Protein backbone atom coordinates (compact mmCIF):
# COMPACT_ATOMS: atom_id res chain seq x y z
CA MET A 1 -2.65 -8.95 20.59
CA GLY A 2 -3.13 -12.73 20.95
CA ILE A 3 -3.21 -15.31 18.22
CA SER A 4 -6.87 -16.07 18.93
CA THR A 5 -7.83 -12.43 18.33
CA ILE A 6 -5.93 -12.38 15.04
CA VAL A 7 -7.58 -15.62 13.93
CA LEU A 8 -11.03 -14.17 14.87
CA SER A 9 -10.25 -10.97 12.91
CA MET A 10 -9.19 -12.99 9.84
CA SER A 11 -12.34 -15.09 10.12
CA VAL A 12 -14.55 -11.96 10.17
CA LEU A 13 -12.75 -10.67 7.05
CA VAL A 14 -13.36 -13.92 5.22
CA VAL A 15 -17.09 -13.94 6.06
CA VAL A 16 -17.52 -10.25 5.11
CA LEU A 17 -15.60 -10.57 1.86
CA GLY A 18 -17.66 -13.68 0.95
CA LEU A 19 -20.75 -11.48 1.08
CA VAL A 20 -19.41 -8.70 -1.02
CA GLY A 21 -17.14 -10.48 -3.42
CA SER A 22 -16.91 -8.84 -6.87
CA ASP A 23 -15.09 -11.43 -8.89
CA PRO A 24 -17.00 -14.09 -10.90
CA ASP A 25 -18.03 -17.15 -8.92
CA PRO A 26 -15.70 -20.19 -9.52
CA LEU A 27 -17.09 -23.11 -11.52
CA GLN A 28 -15.20 -25.73 -9.50
CA ASP A 29 -14.10 -26.45 -5.96
CA TYR A 30 -10.84 -24.67 -6.47
CA CYS A 31 -8.36 -23.72 -9.16
CA VAL A 32 -4.88 -23.72 -7.66
CA ALA A 33 -2.82 -21.26 -9.65
CA ASP A 34 -0.22 -22.46 -12.10
CA THR A 35 1.89 -19.41 -11.48
CA LYS A 36 4.86 -20.68 -13.57
CA LYS A 37 2.78 -21.11 -16.63
CA GLY A 38 0.81 -17.98 -16.02
CA THR A 39 3.96 -15.80 -15.83
CA THR A 40 6.02 -17.32 -18.62
CA GLU A 41 3.28 -17.34 -21.29
CA ASN A 42 1.12 -14.51 -22.55
CA PHE A 43 -2.35 -15.06 -21.18
CA TYR A 44 -4.82 -12.23 -21.70
CA TYR A 45 -7.84 -13.20 -19.64
CA ASN A 46 -9.01 -12.99 -16.04
CA GLY A 47 -7.31 -15.18 -13.49
CA VAL A 48 -4.47 -17.70 -13.88
CA PRO A 49 -4.56 -21.23 -15.30
CA CYS A 50 -5.04 -24.11 -12.85
CA ILE A 51 -2.65 -26.95 -12.06
CA ASN A 52 -3.87 -30.49 -12.36
CA PRO A 53 -6.33 -31.05 -9.47
CA LYS A 54 -4.71 -34.48 -8.83
CA ILE A 55 -1.50 -32.90 -7.59
CA VAL A 56 -3.16 -30.28 -5.34
CA ASP A 57 -2.16 -30.57 -1.65
CA THR A 58 -2.72 -28.66 1.62
CA SER A 59 0.33 -26.42 1.17
CA HIS A 60 -1.37 -24.72 -1.77
CA PHE A 61 -3.94 -23.30 0.62
CA ALA A 62 -1.57 -21.98 3.37
CA THR A 63 0.97 -19.20 3.65
CA SER A 64 3.01 -17.41 6.30
CA ALA A 65 3.43 -14.34 4.13
CA LEU A 66 1.54 -12.07 6.56
CA SER A 67 3.16 -13.37 9.74
CA LYS A 68 6.19 -11.06 9.76
CA PRO A 69 6.39 -7.30 9.65
CA GLY A 70 7.40 -5.83 6.31
CA LYS A 71 10.35 -3.44 5.90
CA ILE A 72 8.85 0.06 6.07
CA ASP A 73 9.88 2.33 3.15
CA ILE A 74 11.87 5.24 4.50
CA VAL A 75 10.19 7.68 2.02
CA LEU A 76 6.66 6.32 2.10
CA GLY A 77 6.60 5.44 5.78
CA PHE A 78 4.67 2.20 5.36
CA ASN A 79 4.86 -1.31 3.85
CA VAL A 80 2.24 -3.53 2.27
CA THR A 81 2.65 -7.31 2.34
CA LEU A 82 0.17 -9.23 0.16
CA ALA A 83 -1.13 -12.77 0.20
CA THR A 84 -1.80 -13.40 -3.47
CA ILE A 85 -1.83 -16.33 -5.85
CA PHE A 86 1.95 -16.19 -5.97
CA ASN A 87 2.49 -17.13 -2.39
CA LEU A 88 -1.04 -18.59 -1.78
CA PRO A 89 -1.98 -20.30 -5.12
CA GLY A 90 -5.15 -21.81 -3.68
CA MET A 91 -6.51 -18.30 -3.64
CA ASN A 92 -6.88 -18.33 -7.38
CA THR A 93 -10.50 -17.69 -8.48
CA GLN A 94 -11.72 -17.18 -4.90
CA GLY A 95 -12.29 -13.47 -5.37
CA VAL A 96 -10.19 -12.29 -2.40
CA THR A 97 -6.78 -10.69 -1.60
CA MET A 98 -5.31 -10.29 1.85
CA ALA A 99 -2.86 -7.63 2.93
CA ARG A 100 -0.73 -6.78 5.94
CA ILE A 101 -0.04 -3.04 6.29
CA ASP A 102 2.74 -1.84 8.59
CA ILE A 103 2.52 1.93 9.04
CA GLY A 104 5.37 3.84 10.75
CA PRO A 105 4.82 6.50 13.37
CA ASN A 106 3.38 9.76 11.99
CA SER A 107 3.04 8.22 8.55
CA LEU A 108 0.34 8.23 5.92
CA VAL A 109 -0.87 5.68 3.45
CA SER A 110 -1.68 8.39 1.01
CA PRO A 111 -5.12 8.65 -0.72
CA HIS A 112 -5.67 5.87 -3.20
CA SER A 113 -8.35 3.63 -4.59
CA HIS A 114 -8.94 0.03 -5.59
CA PRO A 115 -10.92 0.08 -8.84
CA ARG A 116 -12.06 -3.51 -8.57
CA ALA A 117 -12.56 -4.17 -4.86
CA SER A 118 -14.08 -3.15 -1.56
CA GLU A 119 -11.76 -3.27 1.40
CA VAL A 120 -12.29 -4.28 5.02
CA ALA A 121 -9.53 -3.18 7.35
CA ILE A 122 -8.96 -4.38 10.93
CA LEU A 123 -6.53 -2.49 13.17
CA LEU A 124 -4.51 -4.97 15.30
CA LYS A 125 -1.94 -2.60 16.77
CA GLY A 126 -1.57 1.13 17.38
CA SER A 127 -4.11 3.85 16.44
CA LEU A 128 -5.22 5.23 13.10
CA LEU A 129 -7.25 7.95 11.52
CA VAL A 130 -8.89 6.47 8.39
CA GLY A 131 -11.35 7.81 5.86
CA PHE A 132 -12.80 7.78 2.35
CA ILE A 133 -14.39 10.27 0.03
CA ASN A 134 -17.60 9.46 -1.87
CA THR A 135 -18.59 10.69 -5.33
CA SER A 136 -20.34 13.68 -3.78
CA ASN A 137 -17.00 14.71 -2.21
CA HIS A 138 -18.28 13.87 1.25
CA LEU A 139 -15.51 12.76 3.63
CA PHE A 140 -16.12 9.95 6.07
CA THR A 141 -13.48 9.60 8.81
CA GLN A 142 -12.98 7.47 11.90
CA ASN A 143 -10.37 7.07 14.62
CA LEU A 144 -9.56 3.37 15.07
CA ARG A 145 -8.28 1.49 18.09
CA PRO A 146 -7.05 -2.15 18.16
CA GLY A 147 -9.87 -4.50 17.17
CA ASP A 148 -11.82 -1.79 15.25
CA CYS A 149 -12.92 -2.45 11.67
CA PHE A 150 -13.55 -0.02 8.86
CA VAL A 151 -14.79 -0.64 5.30
CA PHE A 152 -13.66 1.34 2.26
CA PRO A 153 -16.33 0.98 -0.45
CA LYS A 154 -15.33 -0.21 -3.85
CA ALA A 155 -13.28 2.29 -5.95
CA MET A 156 -13.60 5.05 -3.30
CA ILE A 157 -10.46 7.17 -2.59
CA HIS A 158 -9.31 6.45 0.96
CA PHE A 159 -6.36 6.81 3.31
CA LEU A 160 -4.86 5.55 6.52
CA TYR A 161 -2.93 7.90 8.87
CA ASN A 162 -0.93 6.92 11.91
CA LYS A 163 -0.93 10.08 13.99
CA ASP A 164 1.11 8.58 16.86
CA SER A 165 4.62 9.91 16.77
CA LYS A 166 6.11 6.85 18.48
CA VAL A 167 4.06 3.69 17.95
CA GLN A 168 3.93 1.73 14.69
CA ALA A 169 0.49 0.57 13.48
CA LEU A 170 -0.48 -2.79 12.07
CA VAL A 171 -3.49 -3.40 9.88
CA VAL A 172 -4.85 -6.55 8.21
CA SER A 173 -7.03 -5.92 5.18
CA GLY A 174 -9.14 -8.12 3.01
CA LEU A 175 -10.13 -7.02 -0.55
CA SER A 176 -12.96 -8.47 -2.54
CA SER A 177 -11.06 -9.23 -5.66
CA GLN A 178 -8.22 -11.46 -6.67
CA ASN A 179 -6.77 -8.46 -8.53
CA PRO A 180 -8.12 -5.31 -6.78
CA GLY A 181 -5.65 -2.85 -8.43
CA VAL A 182 -4.43 0.32 -6.80
CA GLN A 183 -4.25 3.87 -8.07
CA MET A 184 -2.47 6.43 -5.88
CA ALA A 185 -4.08 9.86 -6.28
CA SER A 186 -0.93 12.04 -6.20
CA PRO A 187 1.23 9.95 -8.63
CA ALA A 188 -1.81 9.69 -10.93
CA ALA A 189 -1.86 13.48 -11.23
CA PHE A 190 1.88 14.21 -11.18
CA ALA A 191 3.95 11.06 -11.88
CA THR A 192 2.41 9.62 -15.07
CA THR A 193 4.70 8.00 -17.57
CA THR A 194 3.78 10.79 -19.99
CA ALA A 195 3.63 14.05 -18.08
CA MET A 196 0.34 15.87 -17.92
CA SER A 197 0.49 19.28 -19.66
CA GLU A 198 1.63 21.94 -17.22
CA GLU A 199 -1.15 24.17 -18.43
CA VAL A 200 -3.70 21.49 -17.43
CA SER A 201 -2.02 20.97 -14.01
CA ASN A 202 -1.88 24.74 -13.45
CA LYS A 203 -5.63 25.14 -14.12
CA LEU A 204 -6.63 22.01 -12.28
CA PHE A 205 -4.68 22.65 -9.00
CA GLN A 206 -4.33 26.45 -9.29
CA ILE A 207 -0.50 26.31 -9.11
CA ASN A 208 2.29 27.64 -11.22
CA ASN A 209 4.92 25.79 -13.36
CA GLN A 210 7.52 25.91 -10.60
CA ASP A 211 5.08 24.17 -8.21
CA VAL A 212 4.27 21.54 -10.80
CA THR A 213 7.97 20.82 -11.36
CA LYS A 214 8.65 20.61 -7.66
CA ILE A 215 5.76 18.14 -7.01
CA ARG A 216 6.67 15.97 -9.99
CA THR A 217 10.30 15.77 -8.81
CA THR A 218 9.21 14.87 -5.29
CA LEU A 219 6.94 12.13 -6.58
CA GLY A 220 9.47 10.78 -9.11
CA GLY A 221 7.58 11.95 -12.19
């Protein structure tokens, strides 16, 4: 896919996310993140402190973080590369996060949600089956081809599945929050820091203790 197509796709994402942004509106032109100060001191508020506007330059608003494929995890089968305030400090307070998702053949970005953001995904390479589940447990699915877009509404559980057994898929996503958060459905149920009671898991999923142990071990719980 050509550079012009990628630039157009990114432009569409920026426009759409500008319409659905969920973070508070900034009170100034920009607030370039002071990531050193924000990570070495204990700040307990939204966003990150700004650097002095007098030392802001163009480099604070540009990054090549999404230009190269990420190393796909052997177990998970995919990799997510983010453009955040730590590699794009000019993004601070702008209410947006960008992501490059490389998905291996026959691999699944398992069901998850972003509690603070809507997501717009553009498929640039390969083919995907995507979908989300609403609060009435209705499943919306769509097969995507290069150039297709799909929106995952805020906080809805969704997935991306590369059904092709040979071709890797590439997705660029924009999320309508500086800090969208992510909660994976399976680890949330079986790999919590304090294990959920086996009795609760048994009743919830209609499985036995052996099944619970097996699933927890597989997920690292």
